[in-house]
Amino acid sequence: MTILLDPTSERVPAERPRAPRLSGLEGRTIGLLDIVKPRGDVFLDRLEARLEREGAKVLRYRKPTFTKPAPIDLRHEIAQQCDAVVEALAD
């Protein structure tokens, strides 16, 4: 059993089912979300190159600030355009 902790200070932990894994990356669209913390873009640049070598199409997104959640319109755009998303957390 894997337990994931949500760092958003919830009073009661929410139960969320895990999303199914992709069967592969070939032909998939993967979103890379930069939360604009220092060096997150370095991680995403390397990940983008790796994903493209595996046959994925990569779309890059950027939050306006790391201090707040991504705006709802940005989250909706990512959900509509991508099969999966990676969010960069770095300092």
N, C-alpha and C. Protein backbone atom coordinates (compact mmCIF):
# COMPACT_ATOMS: atom_id res chain seq x y z
N MET A 1 0.84 -1.18 0.00
CA MET A 1 0.00 0.00 0.00
C MET A 1 0.89 1.24 0.00
N THR A 2 0.57 2.20 -0.87
CA THR A 2 1.30 3.45 -0.94
C THR A 2 0.46 4.56 -0.33
N ILE A 3 1.03 5.35 0.55
CA ILE A 3 0.33 6.48 1.14
C ILE A 3 0.97 7.75 0.60
N LEU A 4 0.16 8.61 0.01
CA LEU A 4 0.62 9.90 -0.50
C LEU A 4 0.09 10.99 0.41
N LEU A 5 0.93 11.91 0.81
CA LEU A 5 0.52 13.01 1.67
C LEU A 5 0.32 14.27 0.86
N ASP A 6 -0.75 14.98 1.14
CA ASP A 6 -1.06 16.22 0.45
C ASP A 6 -0.56 17.38 1.31
N PRO A 7 0.36 18.21 0.79
CA PRO A 7 0.95 19.28 1.61
C PRO A 7 0.07 20.52 1.73
N THR A 8 -1.21 20.45 1.39
CA THR A 8 -2.07 21.64 1.39
C THR A 8 -2.78 21.87 2.71
N SER A 9 -2.37 21.20 3.79
CA SER A 9 -2.91 21.41 5.14
C SER A 9 -4.38 21.05 5.24
N GLU A 10 -4.76 19.94 4.62
CA GLU A 10 -6.14 19.51 4.75
C GLU A 10 -6.38 19.04 6.18
N ARG A 11 -7.54 19.30 6.70
CA ARG A 11 -7.90 18.86 8.05
C ARG A 11 -8.24 17.38 8.05
N VAL A 12 -8.88 16.92 6.99
CA VAL A 12 -9.23 15.51 6.84
C VAL A 12 -8.67 15.05 5.49
N PRO A 13 -7.80 14.06 5.49
CA PRO A 13 -7.22 13.61 4.22
C PRO A 13 -8.29 13.17 3.23
N ALA A 14 -8.16 13.61 1.99
CA ALA A 14 -9.10 13.24 0.94
C ALA A 14 -8.68 11.91 0.33
N GLU A 15 -9.64 11.08 0.03
CA GLU A 15 -9.38 9.82 -0.65
C GLU A 15 -9.47 10.07 -2.16
N ARG A 16 -8.38 9.81 -2.86
CA ARG A 16 -8.36 10.01 -4.30
C ARG A 16 -7.82 8.76 -4.96
N PRO A 17 -8.54 8.23 -5.95
CA PRO A 17 -7.99 7.05 -6.64
C PRO A 17 -6.79 7.47 -7.49
N ARG A 18 -5.83 6.56 -7.62
CA ARG A 18 -4.68 6.83 -8.48
C ARG A 18 -5.11 6.77 -9.93
N ALA A 19 -4.59 7.66 -10.73
CA ALA A 19 -4.87 7.64 -12.16
C ALA A 19 -4.18 6.43 -12.79
N PRO A 20 -4.80 5.82 -13.79
CA PRO A 20 -4.14 4.69 -14.43
C PRO A 20 -2.86 5.13 -15.15
N ARG A 21 -1.87 4.26 -15.15
CA ARG A 21 -0.62 4.56 -15.86
C ARG A 21 -0.84 4.51 -17.36
N LEU A 22 -0.07 5.31 -18.08
CA LEU A 22 -0.09 5.24 -19.53
C LEU A 22 0.57 3.94 -19.97
N SER A 23 0.07 3.36 -21.04
CA SER A 23 0.65 2.11 -21.53
C SER A 23 2.01 2.34 -22.19
N GLY A 24 2.30 3.55 -22.58
CA GLY A 24 3.57 3.91 -23.20
C GLY A 24 3.57 5.40 -23.50
N LEU A 25 4.69 5.90 -23.97
CA LEU A 25 4.82 7.33 -24.26
C LEU A 25 4.68 7.66 -25.74
N GLU A 26 4.89 6.69 -26.61
CA GLU A 26 4.83 6.91 -28.06
C GLU A 26 3.48 7.51 -28.44
N GLY A 27 3.52 8.71 -29.06
CA GLY A 27 2.31 9.37 -29.53
C GLY A 27 1.49 10.05 -28.45
N ARG A 28 1.94 10.04 -27.22
CA ARG A 28 1.21 10.68 -26.12
C ARG A 28 1.64 12.13 -25.98
N THR A 29 0.76 12.95 -25.44
CA THR A 29 1.08 14.35 -25.16
C THR A 29 1.28 14.49 -23.66
N ILE A 30 2.47 14.95 -23.30
CA ILE A 30 2.83 15.10 -21.89
C ILE A 30 3.02 16.58 -21.61
N GLY A 31 2.32 17.08 -20.60
CA GLY A 31 2.46 18.47 -20.18
C GLY A 31 3.51 18.59 -19.10
N LEU A 32 4.34 19.61 -19.21
CA LEU A 32 5.35 19.90 -18.19
C LEU A 32 5.00 21.26 -17.59
N LEU A 33 4.66 21.26 -16.30
CA LEU A 33 4.24 22.47 -15.62
C LEU A 33 5.38 23.01 -14.76
N ASP A 34 5.86 24.19 -15.12
CA ASP A 34 6.91 24.88 -14.37
C ASP A 34 6.22 25.75 -13.32
N ILE A 35 6.50 25.50 -12.04
CA ILE A 35 5.87 26.32 -11.00
C ILE A 35 6.72 27.55 -10.67
N VAL A 36 7.72 27.82 -11.44
CA VAL A 36 8.61 28.99 -11.38
C VAL A 36 9.46 29.07 -10.12
N LYS A 37 9.83 27.92 -9.57
CA LYS A 37 10.82 27.91 -8.50
C LYS A 37 12.19 27.76 -9.17
N PRO A 38 13.23 28.28 -8.53
CA PRO A 38 14.57 28.22 -9.12
C PRO A 38 14.97 26.80 -9.54
N ARG A 39 15.48 26.69 -10.73
CA ARG A 39 16.03 25.47 -11.34
C ARG A 39 15.00 24.43 -11.75
N GLY A 40 13.71 24.71 -11.54
CA GLY A 40 12.69 23.79 -12.02
C GLY A 40 12.74 23.65 -13.53
N ASP A 41 13.07 24.75 -14.22
CA ASP A 41 13.16 24.71 -15.68
C ASP A 41 14.32 23.82 -16.14
N VAL A 42 15.38 23.73 -15.35
CA VAL A 42 16.51 22.86 -15.70
C VAL A 42 16.05 21.40 -15.71
N PHE A 43 15.33 21.02 -14.67
CA PHE A 43 14.78 19.67 -14.60
C PHE A 43 13.84 19.41 -15.78
N LEU A 44 12.95 20.36 -16.06
CA LEU A 44 11.98 20.16 -17.14
C LEU A 44 12.64 20.12 -18.52
N ASP A 45 13.69 20.89 -18.73
CA ASP A 45 14.41 20.83 -20.01
C ASP A 45 14.96 19.43 -20.25
N ARG A 46 15.55 18.84 -19.24
CA ARG A 46 16.12 17.49 -19.38
C ARG A 46 15.03 16.45 -19.54
N LEU A 47 13.95 16.61 -18.79
CA LEU A 47 12.84 15.68 -18.91
C LEU A 47 12.18 15.77 -20.29
N GLU A 48 12.04 16.97 -20.81
CA GLU A 48 11.47 17.16 -22.14
C GLU A 48 12.29 16.40 -23.19
N ALA A 49 13.60 16.53 -23.14
CA ALA A 49 14.45 15.84 -24.11
C ALA A 49 14.26 14.33 -23.99
N ARG A 50 14.19 13.82 -22.78
CA ARG A 50 14.01 12.38 -22.56
C ARG A 50 12.66 11.91 -23.08
N LEU A 51 11.61 12.64 -22.78
CA LEU A 51 10.27 12.26 -23.24
C LEU A 51 10.18 12.27 -24.76
N GLU A 52 10.78 13.26 -25.39
CA GLU A 52 10.76 13.33 -26.85
C GLU A 52 11.52 12.17 -27.47
N ARG A 53 12.62 11.75 -26.85
CA ARG A 53 13.34 10.57 -27.35
C ARG A 53 12.48 9.32 -27.27
N GLU A 54 11.57 9.28 -26.31
CA GLU A 54 10.67 8.14 -26.14
C GLU A 54 9.42 8.24 -27.02
N GLY A 55 9.33 9.30 -27.84
CA GLY A 55 8.23 9.43 -28.79
C GLY A 55 7.05 10.26 -28.33
N ALA A 56 7.17 10.95 -27.21
CA ALA A 56 6.09 11.78 -26.70
C ALA A 56 6.16 13.18 -27.29
N LYS A 57 5.00 13.79 -27.42
CA LYS A 57 4.91 15.22 -27.74
C LYS A 57 4.85 15.94 -26.40
N VAL A 58 5.63 17.01 -26.25
CA VAL A 58 5.70 17.72 -24.97
C VAL A 58 5.16 19.13 -25.13
N LEU A 59 4.29 19.51 -24.21
CA LEU A 59 3.78 20.88 -24.14
C LEU A 59 4.24 21.48 -22.82
N ARG A 60 4.74 22.71 -22.86
CA ARG A 60 5.25 23.36 -21.65
C ARG A 60 4.23 24.40 -21.16
N TYR A 61 4.09 24.46 -19.84
CA TYR A 61 3.19 25.40 -19.19
C TYR A 61 3.95 26.04 -18.04
N ARG A 62 3.47 27.21 -17.60
CA ARG A 62 4.16 27.94 -16.53
C ARG A 62 3.12 28.62 -15.65
N LYS A 63 3.24 28.40 -14.35
CA LYS A 63 2.37 29.09 -13.40
C LYS A 63 2.81 30.54 -13.27
N PRO A 64 1.89 31.45 -12.94
CA PRO A 64 2.30 32.84 -12.73
C PRO A 64 3.17 33.02 -11.48
N THR A 65 2.96 32.20 -10.46
CA THR A 65 3.73 32.28 -9.22
C THR A 65 3.70 30.93 -8.51
N PHE A 66 4.75 30.60 -7.78
CA PHE A 66 4.77 29.33 -7.06
C PHE A 66 3.99 29.42 -5.75
N THR A 67 3.60 30.61 -5.33
CA THR A 67 2.95 30.77 -4.03
C THR A 67 1.46 30.44 -4.03
N LYS A 68 0.88 30.24 -5.20
CA LYS A 68 -0.56 29.94 -5.29
C LYS A 68 -0.77 28.77 -6.24
N PRO A 69 -1.91 28.07 -6.09
CA PRO A 69 -2.21 27.00 -7.05
C PRO A 69 -2.31 27.55 -8.47
N ALA A 70 -2.12 26.67 -9.44
CA ALA A 70 -2.27 27.07 -10.84
C ALA A 70 -3.69 27.58 -11.07
N PRO A 71 -3.85 28.63 -11.85
CA PRO A 71 -5.20 29.14 -12.14
C PRO A 71 -6.07 28.05 -12.78
N ILE A 72 -7.35 28.12 -12.52
CA ILE A 72 -8.28 27.11 -13.01
C ILE A 72 -8.24 27.01 -14.53
N ASP A 73 -8.11 28.13 -15.23
CA ASP A 73 -8.07 28.07 -16.70
C ASP A 73 -6.82 27.35 -17.19
N LEU A 74 -5.70 27.50 -16.50
CA LEU A 74 -4.47 26.78 -16.86
C LEU A 74 -4.65 25.29 -16.60
N ARG A 75 -5.22 24.94 -15.46
CA ARG A 75 -5.46 23.52 -15.15
C ARG A 75 -6.39 22.89 -16.17
N HIS A 76 -7.41 23.62 -16.57
CA HIS A 76 -8.35 23.11 -17.57
C HIS A 76 -7.64 22.90 -18.92
N GLU A 77 -6.83 23.86 -19.32
CA GLU A 77 -6.08 23.76 -20.58
C GLU A 77 -5.18 22.51 -20.57
N ILE A 78 -4.47 22.30 -19.49
CA ILE A 78 -3.59 21.13 -19.38
C ILE A 78 -4.42 19.85 -19.46
N ALA A 79 -5.53 19.80 -18.74
CA ALA A 79 -6.38 18.60 -18.73
C ALA A 79 -6.94 18.30 -20.12
N GLN A 80 -7.25 19.33 -20.89
CA GLN A 80 -7.81 19.13 -22.22
C GLN A 80 -6.75 18.73 -23.25
N GLN A 81 -5.51 19.19 -23.09
CA GLN A 81 -4.49 19.00 -24.10
C GLN A 81 -3.53 17.84 -23.84
N CYS A 82 -3.49 17.33 -22.63
CA CYS A 82 -2.43 16.38 -22.27
C CYS A 82 -2.97 15.04 -21.77
N ASP A 83 -2.19 13.99 -22.05
CA ASP A 83 -2.49 12.66 -21.52
C ASP A 83 -1.95 12.49 -20.11
N ALA A 84 -0.91 13.24 -19.77
CA ALA A 84 -0.30 13.21 -18.44
C ALA A 84 0.43 14.52 -18.22
N VAL A 85 0.75 14.81 -16.96
CA VAL A 85 1.45 16.05 -16.65
C VAL A 85 2.50 15.78 -15.56
N VAL A 86 3.62 16.52 -15.67
CA VAL A 86 4.67 16.49 -14.66
C VAL A 86 4.81 17.91 -14.16
N GLU A 87 4.80 18.07 -12.84
CA GLU A 87 4.97 19.38 -12.23
C GLU A 87 6.35 19.45 -11.61
N ALA A 88 7.13 20.48 -11.98
CA ALA A 88 8.51 20.59 -11.49
C ALA A 88 8.52 21.30 -10.15
N LEU A 89 9.13 20.65 -9.16
CA LEU A 89 9.34 21.25 -7.84
C LEU A 89 10.83 21.23 -7.59
N ALA A 90 11.45 22.39 -7.52
CA ALA A 90 12.89 22.43 -7.33
C ALA A 90 13.29 23.73 -6.67
N ASP A 91 14.46 23.74 -6.11
CA ASP A 91 15.07 24.96 -5.54
C ASP A 91 16.54 24.95 -5.82
